[in-house]
Amino acid sequence: MAGLRAAGFVGKRELGLGVAFAAALGLLLGVTAFAQSGGSSAAKKAAPPPVTPAPKAKVAGSFGNWTLLCGKEEEKAEERCSLVLPLVEKESQKLVFRVILTYGPKNNLVLRVDGPTGIALQRGVEFSPDTRKIYRMPFQTCLPMGCKALLLVQDDMRKELAASKQGSITVYALNGKAVKTMTALDGFAAGLAALDKHKTGN
């Protein structure tokens, strides 16, 4: 976490990151892989069925620092979209945090923050629009490539986000020290309005 200590972060909109976004959005992408059966010898000798490539997420719009990505888990599945804000370290240009908003089950708006490993998991993530109210997000999963924290967005938080010009994300190092990242929230209201138009069932 030493690299996070003094570095600043900015939202990055370059379309070159689209592939990285797509790989991280499990809600948008899926790979159908067929495992070869271990039954008869004939089955073992047969060529394995082809792997169906994962559908790629497409950029459906850019709103300030936010990017709207849409894609399908399967060819016949309904298209789903997510509003994505990548936070990149200025000096190394390394993607450190990713903020994602998408509609989950029952069309509930869900906020997800992807962050690095090597942090105090029990402290979770603290997200604060305009640094006024702090929303604490527990980590749901943690893999070698990073950790994911989720929070159901209620109406009051949605209004705060739409009215905010900046926000902060705070995680805690293993020694207990807070590591805080500031980011501009430019374009959120317009991006959320675009996401609403792609909401499942609309």
C-alpha atoms as a PDB file:
ATOM      1  CA  MET A   1       0.000   0.000   0.000  1.00  0.00           C
ATOM      2  CA  ALA A   2       3.043   2.267   0.091  1.00  0.00           C
ATOM      3  CA  GLY A   3       2.379   3.396  -3.455  1.00  0.00           C
ATOM      4  CA  LEU A   4      -1.027   4.646  -2.405  1.00  0.00           C
ATOM      5  CA  ARG A   5       0.222   6.800   0.394  1.00  0.00           C
ATOM      6  CA  ALA A   6       1.266   9.936  -1.414  1.00  0.00           C
ATOM      7  CA  ALA A   7      -0.131   9.427  -4.887  1.00  0.00           C
ATOM      8  CA  GLY A   8      -3.219  11.169  -6.207  1.00  0.00           C
ATOM      9  CA  PHE A   9      -5.894   9.545  -8.314  1.00  0.00           C
ATOM     10  CA  VAL A  10      -7.968  10.640 -11.250  1.00  0.00           C
ATOM     11  CA  GLY A  11     -10.873   9.183 -13.201  1.00  0.00           C
ATOM     12  CA  LYS A  12      -9.701   7.795 -16.545  1.00  0.00           C
ATOM     13  CA  ARG A  13     -11.997   7.514 -19.553  1.00  0.00           C
ATOM     14  CA  GLU A  14      -9.728   6.131 -22.272  1.00  0.00           C
ATOM     15  CA  LEU A  15     -11.470   3.410 -24.272  1.00  0.00           C
ATOM     16  CA  GLY A  16      -8.266   1.380 -24.123  1.00  0.00           C
ATOM     17  CA  LEU A  17      -9.319   0.326 -20.638  1.00  0.00           C
ATOM     18  CA  GLY A  18     -12.526  -1.180 -21.995  1.00  0.00           C
ATOM     19  CA  VAL A  19     -11.030  -4.660 -22.067  1.00  0.00           C
ATOM     20  CA  ALA A  20      -9.918  -4.377 -18.448  1.00  0.00           C
ATOM     21  CA  PHE A  21     -13.373  -3.205 -17.452  1.00  0.00           C
ATOM     22  CA  ALA A  22     -15.030  -6.073 -19.265  1.00  0.00           C
ATOM     23  CA  ALA A  23     -12.841  -8.624 -17.539  1.00  0.00           C
ATOM     24  CA  ALA A  24     -13.855  -7.267 -14.140  1.00  0.00           C
ATOM     25  CA  LEU A  25     -17.598  -6.991 -14.710  1.00  0.00           C
ATOM     26  CA  GLY A  26     -18.868 -10.438 -13.886  1.00  0.00           C
ATOM     27  CA  LEU A  27     -22.420  -9.153 -14.203  1.00  0.00           C
ATOM     28  CA  LEU A  28     -21.850  -8.441 -17.866  1.00  0.00           C
ATOM     29  CA  LEU A  29     -19.657 -11.251 -19.073  1.00  0.00           C
ATOM     30  CA  GLY A  30     -19.570 -15.024 -18.924  1.00  0.00           C
ATOM     31  CA  VAL A  31     -17.613 -17.817 -20.561  1.00  0.00           C
ATOM     32  CA  THR A  32     -19.332 -21.080 -21.462  1.00  0.00           C
ATOM     33  CA  ALA A  33     -16.670 -23.767 -21.172  1.00  0.00           C
ATOM     34  CA  PHE A  34     -17.294 -27.451 -21.766  1.00  0.00           C
ATOM     35  CA  ALA A  35     -15.372 -29.954 -19.611  1.00  0.00           C
ATOM     36  CA  GLN A  36     -14.463 -33.210 -21.347  1.00  0.00           C
ATOM     37  CA  SER A  37     -16.124 -36.264 -19.818  1.00  0.00           C
ATOM     38  CA  GLY A  38     -13.861 -38.831 -18.170  1.00  0.00           C
ATOM     39  CA  GLY A  39     -16.148 -41.806 -19.022  1.00  0.00           C
ATOM     40  CA  SER A  40     -15.334 -43.985 -22.029  1.00  0.00           C
ATOM     41  CA  SER A  41     -12.024 -44.101 -23.880  1.00  0.00           C
ATOM     42  CA  ALA A  42     -13.804 -42.912 -27.013  1.00  0.00           C
ATOM     43  CA  ALA A  43     -14.904 -39.798 -25.189  1.00  0.00           C
ATOM     44  CA  LYS A  44     -11.335 -39.212 -24.028  1.00  0.00           C
ATOM     45  CA  LYS A  45     -10.007 -39.472 -27.586  1.00  0.00           C
ATOM     46  CA  ALA A  46     -12.680 -37.210 -29.031  1.00  0.00           C
ATOM     47  CA  ALA A  47     -11.746 -33.616 -29.692  1.00  0.00           C
ATOM     48  CA  PRO A  48     -13.047 -31.303 -26.940  1.00  0.00           C
ATOM     49  CA  PRO A  49     -16.007 -29.111 -27.902  1.00  0.00           C
ATOM     50  CA  PRO A  50     -15.028 -25.549 -28.791  1.00  0.00           C
ATOM     51  CA  VAL A  51     -15.083 -22.937 -26.083  1.00  0.00           C
ATOM     52  CA  THR A  52     -17.674 -20.256 -26.689  1.00  0.00           C
ATOM     53  CA  PRO A  53     -15.948 -16.863 -26.493  1.00  0.00           C
ATOM     54  CA  ALA A  54     -17.208 -14.458 -23.865  1.00  0.00           C
ATOM     55  CA  PRO A  55     -19.413 -11.696 -25.245  1.00  0.00           C
ATOM     56  CA  LYS A  56     -17.582  -8.411 -25.082  1.00  0.00           C
ATOM     57  CA  ALA A  57     -18.928  -5.438 -23.207  1.00  0.00           C
ATOM     58  CA  LYS A  58     -19.462  -2.389 -25.382  1.00  0.00           C
ATOM     59  CA  VAL A  59     -19.131   1.249 -24.441  1.00  0.00           C
ATOM     60  CA  ALA A  60     -22.653   2.667 -24.528  1.00  0.00           C
ATOM     61  CA  GLY A  61     -21.701   6.176 -23.425  1.00  0.00           C
ATOM     62  CA  SER A  62     -19.242   8.404 -21.577  1.00  0.00           C
ATOM     63  CA  PHE A  63     -20.384  10.846 -18.904  1.00  0.00           C
ATOM     64  CA  GLY A  64     -17.627  12.914 -17.364  1.00  0.00           C
ATOM     65  CA  ASN A  65     -15.372  10.423 -15.584  1.00  0.00           C
ATOM     66  CA  TRP A  66     -17.939   7.623 -15.886  1.00  0.00           C
ATOM     67  CA  THR A  67     -18.324   5.049 -18.659  1.00  0.00           C
ATOM     68  CA  LEU A  68     -21.522   3.107 -19.378  1.00  0.00           C
ATOM     69  CA  LEU A  69     -20.732  -0.491 -20.371  1.00  0.00           C
ATOM     70  CA  CYS A  70     -23.324  -2.951 -21.686  1.00  0.00           C
ATOM     71  CA  GLY A  71     -23.116  -6.623 -22.567  1.00  0.00           C
ATOM     72  CA  LYS A  72     -24.752 -10.050 -22.346  1.00  0.00           C
ATOM     73  CA  GLU A  73     -23.794 -13.086 -20.307  1.00  0.00           C
ATOM     74  CA  GLU A  74     -25.149 -15.300 -23.081  1.00  0.00           C
ATOM     75  CA  GLU A  75     -26.178 -14.650 -26.654  1.00  0.00           C
ATOM     76  CA  LYS A  76     -29.898 -14.942 -25.895  1.00  0.00           C
ATOM     77  CA  ALA A  77     -29.701 -13.270 -22.502  1.00  0.00           C
ATOM     78  CA  GLU A  78     -30.987  -9.785 -21.841  1.00  0.00           C
ATOM     79  CA  GLU A  79     -28.396  -7.049 -22.108  1.00  0.00           C
ATOM     80  CA  ARG A  80     -27.202  -5.626 -18.804  1.00  0.00           C
ATOM     81  CA  CYS A  81     -25.353  -2.391 -18.203  1.00  0.00           C
ATOM     82  CA  SER A  82     -23.069  -0.936 -15.557  1.00  0.00           C
ATOM     83  CA  LEU A  83     -21.825   2.581 -14.868  1.00  0.00           C
ATOM     84  CA  VAL A  84     -18.082   2.394 -14.236  1.00  0.00           C
ATOM     85  CA  LEU A  85     -15.572   4.826 -12.731  1.00  0.00           C
ATOM     86  CA  PRO A  86     -11.919   3.667 -12.783  1.00  0.00           C
ATOM     87  CA  LEU A  87      -9.487   5.308 -10.362  1.00  0.00           C
ATOM     88  CA  VAL A  88      -5.951   5.323 -11.682  1.00  0.00           C
ATOM     89  CA  GLU A  89      -2.763   6.217  -9.812  1.00  0.00           C
ATOM     90  CA  LYS A  90      -1.305   9.329 -11.437  1.00  0.00           C
ATOM     91  CA  GLU A  91       2.348   8.321 -11.339  1.00  0.00           C
ATOM     92  CA  SER A  92       2.147   4.659 -12.375  1.00  0.00           C
ATOM     93  CA  GLN A  93      -1.179   4.839 -14.262  1.00  0.00           C
ATOM     94  CA  LYS A  94      -2.103   1.649 -12.425  1.00  0.00           C
ATOM     95  CA  LEU A  95      -5.790   0.913 -11.925  1.00  0.00           C
ATOM     96  CA  VAL A  96      -6.261   0.843  -8.138  1.00  0.00           C
ATOM     97  CA  PHE A  97      -9.994   1.205  -7.484  1.00  0.00           C
ATOM     98  CA  ARG A  98     -13.022   0.681  -9.674  1.00  0.00           C
ATOM     99  CA  VAL A  99     -16.462   2.001  -8.732  1.00  0.00           C
ATOM    100  CA  ILE A 100     -19.384   0.228 -10.419  1.00  0.00           C
ATOM    101  CA  LEU A 101     -23.120   0.871 -10.268  1.00  0.00           C
ATOM    102  CA  THR A 102     -25.529  -1.648 -11.746  1.00  0.00           C
ATOM    103  CA  TYR A 103     -29.050  -2.925 -11.250  1.00  0.00           C
ATOM    104  CA  GLY A 104     -29.210  -6.245  -9.451  1.00  0.00           C
ATOM    105  CA  PRO A 105     -32.086  -8.535  -8.443  1.00  0.00           C
ATOM    106  CA  LYS A 106     -35.510  -6.852  -8.250  1.00  0.00           C
ATOM    107  CA  ASN A 107     -33.961  -3.859 -10.033  1.00  0.00           C
ATOM    108  CA  ASN A 108     -32.192  -2.695  -6.883  1.00  0.00           C
ATOM    109  CA  LEU A 109     -29.334  -0.292  -7.578  1.00  0.00           C
ATOM    110  CA  VAL A 110     -26.072  -1.769  -6.282  1.00  0.00           C
ATOM    111  CA  LEU A 111     -22.775   0.030  -5.659  1.00  0.00           C
ATOM    112  CA  ARG A 112     -19.635  -2.066  -5.962  1.00  0.00           C
ATOM    113  CA  VAL A 113     -16.065  -1.008  -5.210  1.00  0.00           C
ATOM    114  CA  ASP A 114     -13.193  -3.170  -6.433  1.00  0.00           C
ATOM    115  CA  GLY A 115      -9.984  -2.588  -4.517  1.00  0.00           C
ATOM    116  CA  PRO A 116      -6.511  -4.020  -3.878  1.00  0.00           C
ATOM    117  CA  THR A 117      -5.526  -6.886  -1.628  1.00  0.00           C
ATOM    118  CA  GLY A 118      -3.220  -6.485   1.374  1.00  0.00           C
ATOM    119  CA  ILE A 119      -5.699  -4.379   3.351  1.00  0.00           C
ATOM    120  CA  ALA A 120      -7.625  -4.844   6.599  1.00  0.00           C
ATOM    121  CA  LEU A 121     -10.652  -6.767   5.330  1.00  0.00           C
ATOM    122  CA  GLN A 122     -12.610  -6.444   8.564  1.00  0.00           C
ATOM    123  CA  ARG A 123     -12.687  -2.654   8.139  1.00  0.00           C
ATOM    124  CA  GLY A 124     -14.277  -2.862   4.702  1.00  0.00           C
ATOM    125  CA  VAL A 125     -14.507   0.187   2.435  1.00  0.00           C
ATOM    126  CA  GLU A 126     -15.728   3.634   3.432  1.00  0.00           C
ATOM    127  CA  PHE A 127     -17.396   5.554   0.602  1.00  0.00           C
ATOM    128  CA  SER A 128     -18.358   9.191   1.070  1.00  0.00           C
ATOM    129  CA  PRO A 129     -20.065  11.457  -1.498  1.00  0.00           C
ATOM    130  CA  ASP A 130     -18.766  15.005  -0.998  1.00  0.00           C
ATOM    131  CA  THR A 131     -17.106  13.703   2.196  1.00  0.00           C
ATOM    132  CA  ARG A 132     -20.271  14.430   4.189  1.00  0.00           C
ATOM    133  CA  LYS A 133     -21.812  11.091   5.075  1.00  0.00           C
ATOM    134  CA  ILE A 134     -19.780   7.898   5.273  1.00  0.00           C
ATOM    135  CA  TYR A 135     -21.226   4.676   3.886  1.00  0.00           C
ATOM    136  CA  ARG A 136     -19.460   1.550   5.103  1.00  0.00           C
ATOM    137  CA  MET A 137     -19.276  -1.298   2.616  1.00  0.00           C
ATOM    138  CA  PRO A 138     -18.292  -4.807   3.744  1.00  0.00           C
ATOM    139  CA  PHE A 139     -16.070  -6.919   1.528  1.00  0.00           C
ATOM    140  CA  GLN A 140     -18.012  -9.755  -0.102  1.00  0.00           C
ATOM    141  CA  THR A 141     -15.214 -11.584  -1.904  1.00  0.00           C
ATOM    142  CA  CYS A 142     -11.442 -11.372  -1.955  1.00  0.00           C
ATOM    143  CA  LEU A 143      -9.321 -13.063  -4.636  1.00  0.00           C
ATOM    144  CA  PRO A 144      -5.624 -12.719  -5.548  1.00  0.00           C
ATOM    145  CA  MET A 145      -6.472 -10.043  -8.124  1.00  0.00           C
ATOM    146  CA  GLY A 146      -8.453  -7.894  -5.682  1.00  0.00           C
ATOM    147  CA  CYS A 147     -11.392  -7.513  -3.313  1.00  0.00           C
ATOM    148  CA  LYS A 148     -15.017  -6.529  -3.921  1.00  0.00           C
ATOM    149  CA  ALA A 149     -17.297  -4.576  -1.579  1.00  0.00           C
ATOM    150  CA  LEU A 150     -21.030  -4.166  -2.198  1.00  0.00           C
ATOM    151  CA  LEU A 151     -23.753  -1.837  -0.953  1.00  0.00           C
ATOM    152  CA  LEU A 152     -27.425  -1.479  -1.836  1.00  0.00           C
ATOM    153  CA  VAL A 153     -28.022   2.133  -2.894  1.00  0.00           C
ATOM    154  CA  GLN A 154     -31.051   3.669  -1.201  1.00  0.00           C
ATOM    155  CA  ASP A 155     -32.874   6.750  -2.494  1.00  0.00           C
ATOM    156  CA  ASP A 156     -31.095   9.153  -0.111  1.00  0.00           C
ATOM    157  CA  MET A 157     -27.656   7.941  -1.194  1.00  0.00           C
ATOM    158  CA  ARG A 158     -28.651   8.150  -4.842  1.00  0.00           C
ATOM    159  CA  LYS A 159     -29.630  11.792  -4.383  1.00  0.00           C
ATOM    160  CA  GLU A 160     -26.360  12.544  -2.575  1.00  0.00           C
ATOM    161  CA  LEU A 161     -24.333  10.992  -5.387  1.00  0.00           C
ATOM    162  CA  ALA A 162     -26.225  12.920  -8.051  1.00  0.00           C
ATOM    163  CA  ALA A 163     -25.591  16.202  -6.205  1.00  0.00           C
ATOM    164  CA  SER A 164     -21.943  15.529  -5.322  1.00  0.00           C
ATOM    165  CA  LYS A 165     -18.975  16.966  -7.179  1.00  0.00           C
ATOM    166  CA  GLN A 166     -16.424  14.704  -5.537  1.00  0.00           C
ATOM    167  CA  GLY A 167     -16.232  11.664  -3.336  1.00  0.00           C
ATOM    168  CA  SER A 168     -13.755   9.690  -1.270  1.00  0.00           C
ATOM    169  CA  ILE A 169     -12.902   6.025  -0.880  1.00  0.00           C
ATOM    170  CA  THR A 170     -11.085   4.905   2.249  1.00  0.00           C
ATOM    171  CA  VAL A 171      -9.542   1.527   3.005  1.00  0.00           C
ATOM    172  CA  TYR A 172      -7.267   0.571   5.889  1.00  0.00           C
ATOM    173  CA  ALA A 173      -3.774  -0.853   5.728  1.00  0.00           C
ATOM    174  CA  LEU A 174      -2.904  -3.870   7.840  1.00  0.00           C
ATOM    175  CA  ASN A 175      -1.240  -1.544  10.362  1.00  0.00           C
ATOM    176  CA  GLY A 176      -4.558   0.295  10.807  1.00  0.00           C
ATOM    177  CA  LYS A 177      -3.584   3.407   8.856  1.00  0.00           C
ATOM    178  CA  ALA A 178      -6.344   4.901   6.709  1.00  0.00           C
ATOM    179  CA  VAL A 179      -5.605   5.216   2.984  1.00  0.00           C
ATOM    180  CA  LYS A 180      -7.966   7.779   1.462  1.00  0.00           C
ATOM    181  CA  THR A 181      -8.569   8.415  -2.229  1.00  0.00           C
ATOM    182  CA  MET A 182     -10.402  11.469  -3.584  1.00  0.00           C
ATOM    183  CA  THR A 183     -12.116  11.468  -6.951  1.00  0.00           C
ATOM    184  CA  ALA A 184     -14.297  13.802  -9.003  1.00  0.00           C
ATOM    185  CA  LEU A 185     -17.824  12.530  -9.609  1.00  0.00           C
ATOM    186  CA  ASP A 186     -18.364  14.591 -12.754  1.00  0.00           C
ATOM    187  CA  GLY A 187     -21.053  13.180 -15.014  1.00  0.00           C
ATOM    188  CA  PHE A 188     -22.654  10.875 -12.453  1.00  0.00           C
ATOM    189  CA  ALA A 189     -26.201  12.257 -12.731  1.00  0.00           C
ATOM    190  CA  ALA A 190     -26.199  12.007 -16.531  1.00  0.00           C
ATOM    191  CA  GLY A 191     -24.592   8.569 -16.395  1.00  0.00           C
ATOM    192  CA  LEU A 192     -27.148   7.274 -13.911  1.00  0.00           C
ATOM    193  CA  ALA A 193     -29.983   8.600 -16.086  1.00  0.00           C
ATOM    194  CA  ALA A 194     -28.498   6.661 -19.010  1.00  0.00           C
ATOM    195  CA  LEU A 195     -28.155   3.548 -16.835  1.00  0.00           C
ATOM    196  CA  ASP A 196     -31.819   3.854 -15.840  1.00  0.00           C
ATOM    197  CA  LYS A 197     -32.818   3.662 -19.518  1.00  0.00           C
ATOM    198  CA  HIS A 198     -30.993   0.340 -19.810  1.00  0.00           C
ATOM    199  CA  LYS A 199     -32.472  -1.085 -16.632  1.00  0.00           C
ATOM    200  CA  THR A 200     -33.648  -4.677 -16.990  1.00  0.00           C
ATOM    201  CA  GLY A 201     -37.333  -4.757 -17.814  1.00  0.00           C
ATOM    202  CA  ASN A 202     -37.441  -1.263 -19.317  1.00  0.00           C
END
